[in-house]
C-alpha atoms as a PDB file:
ATOM      1  CA  MET A   1     100.904  86.695 111.977  1.00  0.00           C
ATOM      2  CA  ALA A   2     100.943  90.389 112.886  1.00  0.00           C
ATOM      3  CA  ALA A   3     102.101  91.341 109.385  1.00  0.00           C
ATOM      4  CA  ALA A   4      99.359  89.246 107.782  1.00  0.00           C
ATOM      5  CA  THR A   5      96.724  90.834 110.017  1.00  0.00           C
ATOM      6  CA  ALA A   6      98.006  94.327 109.261  1.00  0.00           C
ATOM      7  CA  LEU A   7      98.124  93.658 105.529  1.00  0.00           C
ATOM      8  CA  GLY A   8      94.590  92.273 105.605  1.00  0.00           C
ATOM      9  CA  LEU A   9      93.417  95.427 107.360  1.00  0.00           C
ATOM     10  CA  LEU A  10      95.073  97.642 104.755  1.00  0.00           C
ATOM     11  CA  GLN A  11      93.710  95.587 101.865  1.00  0.00           C
ATOM     12  CA  GLY A  12      90.216  95.872 103.288  1.00  0.00           C
ATOM     13  CA  ARG A  13      90.566  99.634 103.565  1.00  0.00           C
ATOM     14  CA  ALA A  14      91.950  99.803 100.036  1.00  0.00           C
ATOM     15  CA  ARG A  15      88.902  97.953  98.695  1.00  0.00           C
ATOM     16  CA  LEU A  16      86.588 100.343 100.505  1.00  0.00           C
ATOM     17  CA  ALA A  17      88.508 103.353  99.192  1.00  0.00           C
ATOM     18  CA  SER A  18      88.392 101.968  95.656  1.00  0.00           C
ATOM     19  CA  ALA A  19      84.648 101.397  95.888  1.00  0.00           C
ATOM     20  CA  ALA A  20      84.143 104.903  97.237  1.00  0.00           C
ATOM     21  CA  ALA A  21      86.243 106.424  94.456  1.00  0.00           C
ATOM     22  CA  THR A  22      84.187 104.561  91.853  1.00  0.00           C
ATOM     23  CA  SER A  23      80.798 105.550  93.243  1.00  0.00           C
ATOM     24  CA  LEU A  24      81.645 109.108  94.282  1.00  0.00           C
ATOM     25  CA  SER A  25      82.830 110.840  91.123  1.00  0.00           C
ATOM     26  CA  ARG A  26      83.363 114.545  91.516  1.00  0.00           C
ATOM     27  CA  GLN A  27      80.201 116.400  90.569  1.00  0.00           C
ATOM     28  CA  GLY A  28      81.623 119.904  90.705  1.00  0.00           C
ATOM     29  CA  PRO A  29      80.841 122.705  93.137  1.00  0.00           C
ATOM     30  CA  ARG A  30      77.257 122.815  94.321  1.00  0.00           C
ATOM     31  CA  ARG A  31      75.049 124.116  97.102  1.00  0.00           C
ATOM     32  CA  LEU A  32      73.602 121.392  99.289  1.00  0.00           C
ATOM     33  CA  GLY A  33      70.686 122.127 101.599  1.00  0.00           C
ATOM     34  CA  ARG A  34      67.750 120.318 103.069  1.00  0.00           C
ATOM     35  CA  GLY A  35      65.538 121.344 100.204  1.00  0.00           C
ATOM     36  CA  GLY A  36      67.615 120.479  97.146  1.00  0.00           C
ATOM     37  CA  VAL A  37      70.701 121.090  95.036  1.00  0.00           C
ATOM     38  CA  SER A  38      71.702 124.046  92.881  1.00  0.00           C
ATOM     39  CA  VAL A  39      74.900 124.529  90.885  1.00  0.00           C
ATOM     40  CA  LEU A  40      77.544 127.096  91.822  1.00  0.00           C
ATOM     41  CA  PRO A  41      80.571 128.086  89.718  1.00  0.00           C
ATOM     42  CA  PRO A  42      83.999 126.769  90.830  1.00  0.00           C
ATOM     43  CA  PRO A  43      86.039 127.120  92.958  1.00  0.00           C
ATOM     44  CA  TRP A  44      83.287 127.709  95.545  1.00  0.00           C
ATOM     45  CA  ARG A  45      80.759 125.477  97.202  1.00  0.00           C
ATOM     46  CA  GLY A  46      78.306 126.579  99.877  1.00  0.00           C
ATOM     47  CA  TYR A  47      76.303 124.241 102.088  1.00  0.00           C
ATOM     48  CA  SER A  48      73.191 126.054 103.273  1.00  0.00           C
ATOM     49  CA  SER A  49      70.583 125.761 105.987  1.00  0.00           C
ATOM     50  CA  GLU A  50      67.046 126.709 105.002  1.00  0.00           C
ATOM     51  CA  ALA A  51      66.291 127.612 108.608  1.00  0.00           C
ATOM     52  CA  LYS A  52      68.566 130.678 108.578  1.00  0.00           C
ATOM     53  CA  GLY A  53      69.116 131.160 104.858  1.00  0.00           C
ATOM     54  CA  GLU A  54      72.899 131.464 105.167  1.00  0.00           C
ATOM     55  CA  GLU A  55      75.750 129.334 103.915  1.00  0.00           C
ATOM     56  CA  GLU A  56      76.656 127.550 107.126  1.00  0.00           C
ATOM     57  CA  LEU A  57      79.527 125.675 105.496  1.00  0.00           C
ATOM     58  CA  ARG A  58      81.649 127.283 102.810  1.00  0.00           C
ATOM     59  CA  VAL A  59      83.956 125.092 100.745  1.00  0.00           C
ATOM     60  CA  ARG A  60      86.704 126.854  98.815  1.00  0.00           C
ATOM     61  CA  TYR A  61      89.107 125.233  96.345  1.00  0.00           C
ATOM     62  CA  LEU A  62      92.268 127.352  96.350  1.00  0.00           C
ATOM     63  CA  GLU A  63      94.180 128.031  93.140  1.00  0.00           C
ATOM     64  CA  ASP A  64      97.636 129.046  91.888  1.00  0.00           C
ATOM     65  CA  GLU A  65     100.389 128.392  94.454  1.00  0.00           C
ATOM     66  CA  HIS A  66      97.827 126.912  96.842  1.00  0.00           C
ATOM     67  CA  LYS A  67      96.183 124.597  94.330  1.00  0.00           C
ATOM     68  CA  GLY A  68      95.340 121.303  96.011  1.00  0.00           C
ATOM     69  CA  ILE A  69      94.266 122.956  99.270  1.00  0.00           C
ATOM     70  CA  VAL A  70      90.569 123.050 100.169  1.00  0.00           C
ATOM     71  CA  VAL A  71      89.229 125.313 102.926  1.00  0.00           C
ATOM     72  CA  LEU A  72      86.083 124.345 104.841  1.00  0.00           C
ATOM     73  CA  GLY A  73      84.718 127.466 106.526  1.00  0.00           C
ATOM     74  CA  ILE A  74      82.127 127.170 109.314  1.00  0.00           C
ATOM     75  CA  ASN A  75      79.690 130.091 109.126  1.00  0.00           C
ATOM     76  CA  ARG A  76      76.924 129.804 111.752  1.00  0.00           C
ATOM     77  CA  SER A  77      77.363 133.359 113.014  1.00  0.00           C
ATOM     78  CA  HIS A  78      73.969 133.420 114.748  1.00  0.00           C
ATOM     79  CA  ALA A  79      75.001 130.408 116.874  1.00  0.00           C
ATOM     80  CA  LYS A  80      78.744 131.076 117.288  1.00  0.00           C
ATOM     81  CA  ASN A  81      79.436 128.107 115.001  1.00  0.00           C
ATOM     82  CA  ALA A  82      77.793 125.667 117.422  1.00  0.00           C
ATOM     83  CA  LEU A  83      77.491 122.177 115.958  1.00  0.00           C
ATOM     84  CA  ASN A  84      73.933 121.128 115.201  1.00  0.00           C
ATOM     85  CA  LYS A  85      72.703 118.053 113.364  1.00  0.00           C
ATOM     86  CA  ASN A  86      72.417 119.826 110.025  1.00  0.00           C
ATOM     87  CA  LEU A  87      75.925 121.318 110.145  1.00  0.00           C
ATOM     88  CA  ILE A  88      77.462 117.956 111.047  1.00  0.00           C
ATOM     89  CA  LYS A  89      75.539 116.361 108.191  1.00  0.00           C
ATOM     90  CA  MET A  90      76.833 119.013 105.767  1.00  0.00           C
ATOM     91  CA  MET A  91      80.404 118.619 107.013  1.00  0.00           C
ATOM     92  CA  SER A  92      80.218 114.846 106.588  1.00  0.00           C
ATOM     93  CA  LYS A  93      78.861 115.229 103.063  1.00  0.00           C
ATOM     94  CA  ALA A  94      81.616 117.692 102.153  1.00  0.00           C
ATOM     95  CA  VAL A  95      84.344 115.419 103.519  1.00  0.00           C
ATOM     96  CA  ASP A  96      82.909 112.401 101.688  1.00  0.00           C
ATOM     97  CA  THR A  97      83.069 114.372  98.438  1.00  0.00           C
ATOM     98  CA  LEU A  98      86.656 115.473  99.064  1.00  0.00           C
ATOM     99  CA  LYS A  99      87.746 111.908  99.825  1.00  0.00           C
ATOM    100  CA  SER A 100      87.118 110.877  96.227  1.00  0.00           C
ATOM    101  CA  ASP A 101      88.868 113.902  94.688  1.00  0.00           C
ATOM    102  CA  LYS A 102      92.472 112.962  93.903  1.00  0.00           C
ATOM    103  CA  LYS A 103      93.356 116.597  93.216  1.00  0.00           C
ATOM    104  CA  VAL A 104      92.781 117.525  96.856  1.00  0.00           C
ATOM    105  CA  ARG A 105      95.989 117.291  98.892  1.00  0.00           C
ATOM    106  CA  THR A 106      95.173 119.135 102.124  1.00  0.00           C
ATOM    107  CA  VAL A 107      91.993 120.283 103.889  1.00  0.00           C
ATOM    108  CA  ILE A 108      91.824 123.219 106.314  1.00  0.00           C
ATOM    109  CA  PHE A 109      88.919 123.731 108.716  1.00  0.00           C
ATOM    110  CA  ARG A 110      88.454 127.364 109.732  1.00  0.00           C
ATOM    111  CA  SER A 111      85.855 129.714 111.142  1.00  0.00           C
ATOM    112  CA  GLU A 112      84.251 132.357 108.939  1.00  0.00           C
ATOM    113  CA  VAL A 113      82.950 134.116 112.068  1.00  0.00           C
ATOM    114  CA  PRO A 114      85.336 136.685 113.619  1.00  0.00           C
ATOM    115  CA  GLY A 115      86.472 136.003 117.171  1.00  0.00           C
ATOM    116  CA  ILE A 116      85.324 132.405 117.533  1.00  0.00           C
ATOM    117  CA  PHE A 117      86.060 128.982 116.087  1.00  0.00           C
ATOM    118  CA  CYS A 118      83.331 126.728 117.478  1.00  0.00           C
ATOM    119  CA  ALA A 119      81.126 127.007 120.578  1.00  0.00           C
ATOM    120  CA  GLY A 120      80.678 123.240 120.822  1.00  0.00           C
ATOM    121  CA  ALA A 121      77.343 121.471 120.587  1.00  0.00           C
ATOM    122  CA  ASP A 122      74.210 123.509 119.817  1.00  0.00           C
ATOM    123  CA  LEU A 123      72.540 123.448 123.241  1.00  0.00           C
ATOM    124  CA  LYS A 124      69.372 125.160 122.019  1.00  0.00           C
ATOM    125  CA  GLU A 125      68.818 122.373 119.526  1.00  0.00           C
ATOM    126  CA  ARG A 126      69.672 119.722 122.111  1.00  0.00           C
ATOM    127  CA  ALA A 127      67.132 121.143 124.547  1.00  0.00           C
ATOM    128  CA  LYS A 128      64.411 120.289 122.029  1.00  0.00           C
ATOM    129  CA  MET A 129      65.707 116.772 121.347  1.00  0.00           C
ATOM    130  CA  HIS A 130      64.298 113.531 122.673  1.00  0.00           C
ATOM    131  CA  SER A 131      66.713 111.727 124.998  1.00  0.00           C
ATOM    132  CA  SER A 132      67.377 109.146 122.285  1.00  0.00           C
ATOM    133  CA  GLU A 133      68.656 111.903 119.975  1.00  0.00           C
ATOM    134  CA  VAL A 134      70.985 113.587 122.441  1.00  0.00           C
ATOM    135  CA  SER A 135      73.661 110.870 122.481  1.00  0.00           C
ATOM    136  CA  SER A 136      75.543 112.382 119.538  1.00  0.00           C
ATOM    137  CA  PHE A 137      75.717 115.824 121.168  1.00  0.00           C
ATOM    138  CA  VAL A 138      77.012 115.219 124.677  1.00  0.00           C
ATOM    139  CA  SER A 139      78.913 118.064 126.387  1.00  0.00           C
ATOM    140  CA  LYS A 140      81.007 118.738 129.470  1.00  0.00           C
ATOM    141  CA  ALA A 141      79.800 120.214 132.759  1.00  0.00           C
ATOM    142  CA  ARG A 142      76.150 119.328 132.181  1.00  0.00           C
ATOM    143  CA  ALA A 143      75.797 116.007 134.044  1.00  0.00           C
ATOM    144  CA  THR A 144      76.983 114.077 130.989  1.00  0.00           C
ATOM    145  CA  ILE A 145      80.269 112.748 129.655  1.00  0.00           C
ATOM    146  CA  ASN A 146      81.943 113.496 126.354  1.00  0.00           C
ATOM    147  CA  GLU A 147      80.679 111.018 123.779  1.00  0.00           C
ATOM    148  CA  MET A 148      82.333 112.441 120.665  1.00  0.00           C
ATOM    149  CA  GLY A 149      85.605 110.594 121.218  1.00  0.00           C
ATOM    150  CA  GLY A 150      87.088 112.844 123.889  1.00  0.00           C
ATOM    151  CA  THR A 151      87.493 110.124 126.523  1.00  0.00           C
ATOM    152  CA  GLN A 152      89.437 108.013 124.019  1.00  0.00           C
ATOM    153  CA  ARG A 153      91.316 110.474 121.804  1.00  0.00           C
ATOM    154  CA  LEU A 154      92.375 112.928 124.514  1.00  0.00           C
ATOM    155  CA  PRO A 155      94.278 110.351 126.658  1.00  0.00           C
ATOM    156  CA  ARG A 156      96.066 109.142 123.542  1.00  0.00           C
ATOM    157  CA  THR A 157      97.165 112.705 122.825  1.00  0.00           C
ATOM    158  CA  ILE A 158      98.102 114.156 126.220  1.00  0.00           C
ATOM    159  CA  GLY A 159      98.256 111.112 128.511  1.00  0.00           C
ATOM    160  CA  VAL A 160      95.779 109.447 130.840  1.00  0.00           C
ATOM    161  CA  SER A 161      96.361 111.500 134.006  1.00  0.00           C
ATOM    162  CA  LEU A 162      96.102 114.910 132.375  1.00  0.00           C
ATOM    163  CA  ALA A 163      93.120 113.822 130.277  1.00  0.00           C
ATOM    164  CA  LYS A 164      91.297 112.777 133.456  1.00  0.00           C
ATOM    165  CA  GLU A 165      92.130 116.110 135.069  1.00  0.00           C
ATOM    166  CA  LEU A 166      90.686 118.106 132.183  1.00  0.00           C
ATOM    167  CA  ILE A 167      87.616 115.915 131.682  1.00  0.00           C
ATOM    168  CA  PHE A 168      86.770 115.635 135.402  1.00  0.00           C
ATOM    169  CA  SER A 169      87.213 119.366 136.060  1.00  0.00           C
ATOM    170  CA  ALA A 170      85.873 120.694 132.723  1.00  0.00           C
ATOM    171  CA  ARG A 171      88.685 123.240 132.986  1.00  0.00           C
ATOM    172  CA  VAL A 172      89.238 125.536 130.024  1.00  0.00           C
ATOM    173  CA  VAL A 173      92.845 125.802 128.814  1.00  0.00           C
ATOM    174  CA  ASP A 174      94.311 128.722 126.891  1.00  0.00           C
ATOM    175  CA  GLY A 175      96.438 128.453 123.781  1.00  0.00           C
ATOM    176  CA  GLU A 176      99.808 128.398 125.526  1.00  0.00           C
ATOM    177  CA  GLU A 177      98.786 125.615 127.916  1.00  0.00           C
ATOM    178  CA  ALA A 178      97.167 123.669 125.085  1.00  0.00           C
ATOM    179  CA  LYS A 179     100.478 123.767 123.225  1.00  0.00           C
ATOM    180  CA  SER A 180     102.547 122.885 126.290  1.00  0.00           C
ATOM    181  CA  ILE A 181     100.532 119.703 126.925  1.00  0.00           C
ATOM    182  CA  GLY A 182     100.613 118.669 123.265  1.00  0.00           C
ATOM    183  CA  LEU A 183      96.963 119.323 122.505  1.00  0.00           C
ATOM    184  CA  ILE A 184      97.831 121.701 119.666  1.00  0.00           C
ATOM    185  CA  SER A 185     100.985 122.277 117.624  1.00  0.00           C
ATOM    186  CA  HIS A 186     101.160 126.044 117.135  1.00  0.00           C
ATOM    187  CA  VAL A 187     100.197 129.264 118.908  1.00  0.00           C
ATOM    188  CA  VAL A 188     100.255 132.507 116.910  1.00  0.00           C
ATOM    189  CA  GLU A 189      99.784 136.155 117.803  1.00  0.00           C
ATOM    190  CA  GLN A 190      96.571 137.529 116.336  1.00  0.00           C
ATOM    191  CA  ASN A 191      96.824 140.022 113.476  1.00  0.00           C
ATOM    192  CA  ASP A 192      94.603 142.975 112.564  1.00  0.00           C
ATOM    193  CA  ALA A 193      92.617 140.872 110.095  1.00  0.00           C
ATOM    194  CA  GLY A 194      91.860 138.257 112.747  1.00  0.00           C
ATOM    195  CA  ASP A 195      93.084 135.384 110.590  1.00  0.00           C
ATOM    196  CA  ALA A 196      96.550 134.665 111.997  1.00  0.00           C
ATOM    197  CA  ALA A 197      95.719 131.030 112.779  1.00  0.00           C
ATOM    198  CA  TYR A 198      94.373 130.506 109.261  1.00  0.00           C
ATOM    199  CA  LYS A 199      97.496 132.061 107.742  1.00  0.00           C
ATOM    200  CA  ARG A 200      99.680 129.699 109.785  1.00  0.00           C
ATOM    201  CA  ALA A 201      97.562 126.703 108.753  1.00  0.00           C
ATOM    202  CA  LEU A 202      97.780 127.795 105.116  1.00  0.00           C
ATOM    203  CA  ALA A 203     101.568 128.076 105.296  1.00  0.00           C
ATOM    204  CA  LEU A 204     101.771 124.617 106.848  1.00  0.00           C
ATOM    205  CA  ALA A 205      99.425 123.153 104.225  1.00  0.00           C
ATOM    206  CA  LYS A 206     101.607 124.667 101.508  1.00  0.00           C
ATOM    207  CA  GLU A 207     104.566 122.704 102.904  1.00  0.00           C
ATOM    208  CA  PHE A 208     102.588 119.489 102.348  1.00  0.00           C
ATOM    209  CA  LEU A 209     101.756 120.196  98.695  1.00  0.00           C
ATOM    210  CA  PRO A 210     105.099 119.200  97.082  1.00  0.00           C
ATOM    211  CA  GLN A 211     105.181 115.840  98.865  1.00  0.00           C
ATOM    212  CA  GLY A 212     104.108 112.585  97.230  1.00  0.00           C
ATOM    213  CA  PRO A 213     100.339 112.160  97.803  1.00  0.00           C
ATOM    214  CA  VAL A 214     100.478 108.360  97.983  1.00  0.00           C
ATOM    215  CA  ALA A 215     103.354 108.397 100.463  1.00  0.00           C
ATOM    216  CA  VAL A 216     101.637 110.998 102.639  1.00  0.00           C
ATOM    217  CA  ARG A 217      98.379 109.043 102.548  1.00  0.00           C
ATOM    218  CA  VAL A 218      99.910 105.734 103.634  1.00  0.00           C
ATOM    219  CA  ALA A 219     102.131 107.456 106.215  1.00  0.00           C
ATOM    220  CA  LYS A 220      99.000 108.963 107.750  1.00  0.00           C
ATOM    221  CA  LEU A 221      97.354 105.543 107.758  1.00  0.00           C
ATOM    222  CA  ALA A 222     100.416 103.930 109.336  1.00  0.00           C
ATOM    223  CA  ILE A 223     100.562 106.550 112.090  1.00  0.00           C
ATOM    224  CA  ASN A 224      96.835 106.483 112.864  1.00  0.00           C
ATOM    225  CA  GLN A 225      96.522 102.699 112.835  1.00  0.00           C
ATOM    226  CA  GLY A 226      99.849 102.180 114.561  1.00  0.00           C
ATOM    227  CA  MET A 227      98.729 104.236 117.554  1.00  0.00           C
ATOM    228  CA  GLU A 228      95.910 101.765 118.175  1.00  0.00           C
ATOM    229  CA  VAL A 229      98.056  98.619 118.411  1.00  0.00           C
ATOM    230  CA  ASP A 230     101.259  97.294 119.981  1.00  0.00           C
ATOM    231  CA  LEU A 231     104.662  98.194 118.517  1.00  0.00           C
ATOM    232  CA  VAL A 232     105.193  94.875 116.716  1.00  0.00           C
ATOM    233  CA  THR A 233     101.838  95.134 114.944  1.00  0.00           C
ATOM    234  CA  GLY A 234     102.492  98.809 114.263  1.00  0.00           C
ATOM    235  CA  LEU A 235     105.771  97.991 112.532  1.00  0.00           C
ATOM    236  CA  ALA A 236     103.955  95.377 110.457  1.00  0.00           C
ATOM    237  CA  ILE A 237     101.405  98.015 109.454  1.00  0.00           C
ATOM    238  CA  GLU A 238     104.262 100.339 108.480  1.00  0.00           C
ATOM    239  CA  GLU A 239     105.821  97.590 106.360  1.00  0.00           C
ATOM    240  CA  ALA A 240     102.509  96.929 104.630  1.00  0.00           C
ATOM    241  CA  CYS A 241     102.045 100.664 104.003  1.00  0.00           C
ATOM    242  CA  TYR A 242     105.546 100.949 102.549  1.00  0.00           C
ATOM    243  CA  ALA A 243     104.731  98.087 100.183  1.00  0.00           C
ATOM    244  CA  GLN A 244     101.841 100.151  98.816  1.00  0.00           C
ATOM    245  CA  THR A 245     104.284 102.797  97.543  1.00  0.00           C
ATOM    246  CA  ILE A 246     106.624 100.407  95.672  1.00  0.00           C
ATOM    247  CA  PRO A 247     104.589  99.974  92.453  1.00  0.00           C
ATOM    248  CA  THR A 248     103.666 103.676  92.155  1.00  0.00           C
ATOM    249  CA  LYS A 249     104.787 106.070  89.443  1.00  0.00           C
ATOM    250  CA  ASP A 250     105.456 108.650  92.144  1.00  0.00           C
ATOM    251  CA  ARG A 251     108.219 106.482  93.612  1.00  0.00           C
ATOM    252  CA  ILE A 252     109.949 106.323  90.216  1.00  0.00           C
ATOM    253  CA  GLU A 253     109.485 110.075  89.802  1.00  0.00           C
ATOM    254  CA  GLY A 254     111.127 110.653  93.173  1.00  0.00           C
ATOM    255  CA  LEU A 255     114.168 108.619  92.161  1.00  0.00           C
ATOM    256  CA  LEU A 256     114.419 110.304  88.749  1.00  0.00           C
ATOM    257  CA  SER A 257     114.111 113.805  90.189  1.00  0.00           C
ATOM    258  CA  PHE A 258     116.918 113.065  92.647  1.00  0.00           C
ATOM    259  CA  LYS A 259     119.116 111.702  89.861  1.00  0.00           C
ATOM    260  CA  GLU A 260     118.343 114.656  87.568  1.00  0.00           C
ATOM    261  CA  LYS A 261     118.689 117.190  90.419  1.00  0.00           C
ATOM    262  CA  ARG A 262     115.258 118.759  89.910  1.00  0.00           C
ATOM    263  CA  PRO A 263     112.084 119.131  92.010  1.00  0.00           C
ATOM    264  CA  PRO A 264     109.802 116.075  91.775  1.00  0.00           C
ATOM    265  CA  ARG A 265     106.437 116.322  90.007  1.00  0.00           C
ATOM    266  CA  TYR A 266     104.185 113.922  91.870  1.00  0.00           C
ATOM    267  CA  LYS A 267     100.744 113.031  90.501  1.00  0.00           C
ATOM    268  CA  GLY A 268      99.435 110.685  93.152  1.00  0.00           C
ATOM    269  CA  GLU A 269      99.769 107.637  90.909  1.00  0.00           C
END
C-alpha cells in the first residue's frame, strides 16, 4: 500500500513536470521587469525593478568547465538585498524558467552586494502594506511568527528543542554555531575579493556536474519526500525513484563507461 501511494505521488509529479517542460520552452536570456520584456545576449539575464532602475536579480549561465551551473545574484544594494514582493516575484519567475531547462544542472544563489547576503523581509515595504498583504512577509522579533516555513523546516533540520530556542529568543547565530548545529554545511574564511563563500559553492557545484542528472534529480526527490513520511513509506518512495532510472540512457552509459574504464558522458536522458 505504501509503495503504491509513493508511486502514485511520483507519477503525479512526473506528469506536472512533463506539462511544465512542454509549456515552458526556453526563450533565451531576457530582462523581465514590471513594464515589459527586452532581449539580452547570452549568457546573461537581468531581472529589473523600474522603481530603482537597477538589475535586482542577475542570472548568469556559466560556461566552459562550469557549464551547466547557473548563478542567481541578488542585487538590491539600496535595501541590503531585503526581500520585497517584486524581488520574490522575479526569483520565482527565474526558477520556473530554469526548471524547464534540461541543460541546467546546478543553481547557486549569491549576493552581488559586498558584505551582506540578505537582510530578510523589506520592512519599509511591509510598513505600507495592508494587514492582508503582510502574511507573506512575517519576521522575527516584531510581535509576529515566522510564516515562510521556518517553524516547519527549522525543526526538521536542527531538531525541535533547538528550533524552539532560536525562534522563541530570535537569537542571531554566527557561522561557526550555524555549522555546529547543522544549519549550514560549510564555513569559509573570507578572502580579499569578498567572495569566499561563492567560490566554495562553485567548487561544490562543480563536483555535481559529472553526475547523472536523472539520478541526482530522483535522489533529491527521494530525500525531500522521504523526510516528510515514515521510514517504510520513505523506502517505498526510494524504490519508486530507483525505478525511474532503470529505462534511462544514462544508466546504460554508466555501465558502459565502467566496463570501458572511461569517464561517463551523461545527457540527462
